[in-house]
Amino acid sequence: MSFKSFLYKMLKYSNDVNAVKKGKVGKRVGRRVAGKATGKAMKKLFK
């Protein structure tokens, strides 16, 4: 694992913890799901 990918993973987990503390987990999960769906749709379009 490169340093950059390690750093991104650590930041992702840090932001997850932050969302739990602020009570905005649902919003974060929704955005993550929407982002993954959009990415898959774009992949199919530009195959």
N, C-alpha and C. Protein backbone atom coordinates (compact mmCIF):
# COMPACT_ATOMS: atom_id res chain seq x y z
N MET A 1 0.85 -1.17 0.00
CA MET A 1 0.00 0.00 0.00
C MET A 1 0.89 1.23 0.00
N SER A 2 0.60 2.15 -0.89
CA SER A 2 1.40 3.36 -0.96
C SER A 2 1.00 4.31 0.16
N PHE A 3 1.83 5.28 0.39
CA PHE A 3 1.55 6.26 1.45
C PHE A 3 0.28 7.05 1.14
N LYS A 4 0.09 7.37 -0.13
CA LYS A 4 -1.07 8.15 -0.53
C LYS A 4 -2.37 7.39 -0.26
N SER A 5 -2.42 6.10 -0.62
CA SER A 5 -3.64 5.32 -0.38
C SER A 5 -3.86 5.13 1.12
N PHE A 6 -2.78 4.96 1.88
CA PHE A 6 -2.89 4.84 3.33
C PHE A 6 -3.49 6.12 3.92
N LEU A 7 -3.00 7.24 3.44
CA LEU A 7 -3.48 8.53 3.92
C LEU A 7 -4.96 8.73 3.61
N TYR A 8 -5.38 8.38 2.39
CA TYR A 8 -6.78 8.51 2.01
C TYR A 8 -7.67 7.62 2.87
N LYS A 9 -7.22 6.40 3.15
CA LYS A 9 -8.02 5.50 3.98
C LYS A 9 -8.16 6.04 5.40
N MET A 10 -7.07 6.56 5.94
CA MET A 10 -7.11 7.11 7.29
C MET A 10 -8.05 8.33 7.35
N LEU A 11 -8.02 9.17 6.33
CA LEU A 11 -8.90 10.33 6.30
C LEU A 11 -10.37 9.90 6.17
N LYS A 12 -10.62 8.84 5.39
CA LYS A 12 -11.98 8.35 5.23
C LYS A 12 -12.53 7.88 6.58
N TYR A 13 -11.73 7.13 7.32
CA TYR A 13 -12.17 6.64 8.63
C TYR A 13 -12.33 7.79 9.62
N SER A 14 -11.44 8.76 9.54
CA SER A 14 -11.52 9.92 10.41
C SER A 14 -12.82 10.69 10.15
N ASN A 15 -13.17 10.83 8.88
CA ASN A 15 -14.40 11.53 8.53
C ASN A 15 -15.63 10.73 8.95
N ASP A 16 -15.54 9.39 8.90
CA ASP A 16 -16.64 8.55 9.37
C ASP A 16 -16.88 8.78 10.87
N VAL A 17 -15.80 8.82 11.64
CA VAL A 17 -15.90 9.05 13.08
C VAL A 17 -16.50 10.43 13.34
N ASN A 18 -16.05 11.40 12.58
CA ASN A 18 -16.56 12.76 12.71
C ASN A 18 -18.06 12.82 12.44
N ALA A 19 -18.52 12.10 11.41
CA ALA A 19 -19.94 12.07 11.07
C ALA A 19 -20.76 11.44 12.19
N VAL A 20 -20.21 10.40 12.81
CA VAL A 20 -20.91 9.74 13.92
C VAL A 20 -21.06 10.73 15.08
N LYS A 21 -19.99 11.47 15.38
CA LYS A 21 -20.03 12.44 16.47
C LYS A 21 -21.06 13.53 16.22
N LYS A 22 -21.19 13.96 14.97
CA LYS A 22 -22.11 15.05 14.63
C LYS A 22 -23.51 14.55 14.30
N GLY A 23 -23.69 13.23 14.21
CA GLY A 23 -25.01 12.67 13.94
C GLY A 23 -25.42 12.79 12.48
N LYS A 24 -24.46 12.79 11.58
CA LYS A 24 -24.76 12.93 10.15
C LYS A 24 -24.34 11.70 9.36
N VAL A 25 -24.49 10.55 9.98
CA VAL A 25 -24.07 9.31 9.34
C VAL A 25 -24.94 8.99 8.12
N GLY A 26 -26.24 9.17 8.25
CA GLY A 26 -27.16 8.86 7.15
C GLY A 26 -26.84 9.65 5.90
N LYS A 27 -26.54 10.92 6.08
CA LYS A 27 -26.20 11.78 4.95
C LYS A 27 -24.94 11.28 4.27
N ARG A 28 -23.94 10.91 5.09
CA ARG A 28 -22.66 10.46 4.56
C ARG A 28 -22.82 9.14 3.80
N VAL A 29 -23.58 8.22 4.37
CA VAL A 29 -23.81 6.93 3.72
C VAL A 29 -24.55 7.13 2.40
N GLY A 30 -25.54 8.01 2.42
CA GLY A 30 -26.31 8.29 1.21
C GLY A 30 -25.43 8.85 0.10
N ARG A 31 -24.54 9.76 0.46
CA ARG A 31 -23.64 10.33 -0.53
C ARG A 31 -22.69 9.29 -1.08
N ARG A 32 -22.20 8.41 -0.20
CA ARG A 32 -21.27 7.37 -0.64
C ARG A 32 -21.95 6.41 -1.62
N VAL A 33 -23.19 6.02 -1.31
CA VAL A 33 -23.94 5.11 -2.18
C VAL A 33 -24.23 5.79 -3.53
N ALA A 34 -24.63 7.06 -3.47
CA ALA A 34 -24.92 7.79 -4.70
C ALA A 34 -23.66 7.92 -5.56
N GLY A 35 -22.52 8.16 -4.92
CA GLY A 35 -21.26 8.28 -5.65
C GLY A 35 -20.86 6.98 -6.32
N LYS A 36 -21.06 5.88 -5.63
CA LYS A 36 -20.71 4.58 -6.22
C LYS A 36 -21.62 4.27 -7.39
N ALA A 37 -22.92 4.57 -7.26
CA ALA A 37 -23.87 4.31 -8.35
C ALA A 37 -23.53 5.17 -9.56
N THR A 38 -23.19 6.42 -9.32
CA THR A 38 -22.81 7.33 -10.41
C THR A 38 -21.56 6.82 -11.11
N GLY A 39 -20.59 6.37 -10.32
CA GLY A 39 -19.35 5.85 -10.89
C GLY A 39 -19.60 4.63 -11.77
N LYS A 40 -20.48 3.75 -11.34
CA LYS A 40 -20.79 2.56 -12.13
C LYS A 40 -21.50 2.94 -13.42
N ALA A 41 -22.43 3.91 -13.33
CA ALA A 41 -23.16 4.35 -14.52
C ALA A 41 -22.20 4.99 -15.53
N MET A 42 -21.27 5.80 -15.05
CA MET A 42 -20.30 6.46 -15.93
C MET A 42 -19.39 5.42 -16.59
N LYS A 43 -19.05 4.41 -15.81
CA LYS A 43 -18.18 3.35 -16.35
C LYS A 43 -18.86 2.64 -17.53
N LYS A 44 -20.17 2.39 -17.37
CA LYS A 44 -20.93 1.73 -18.43
C LYS A 44 -21.04 2.63 -19.66
N LEU A 45 -21.21 3.93 -19.46
CA LEU A 45 -21.35 4.87 -20.56
C LEU A 45 -20.06 4.99 -21.38
N PHE A 46 -18.95 5.05 -20.69
CA PHE A 46 -17.67 5.30 -21.36
C PHE A 46 -16.79 4.07 -21.47
N LYS A 47 -17.40 2.94 -21.68
CA LYS A 47 -16.68 1.67 -21.79
C LYS A 47 -15.96 1.57 -23.09
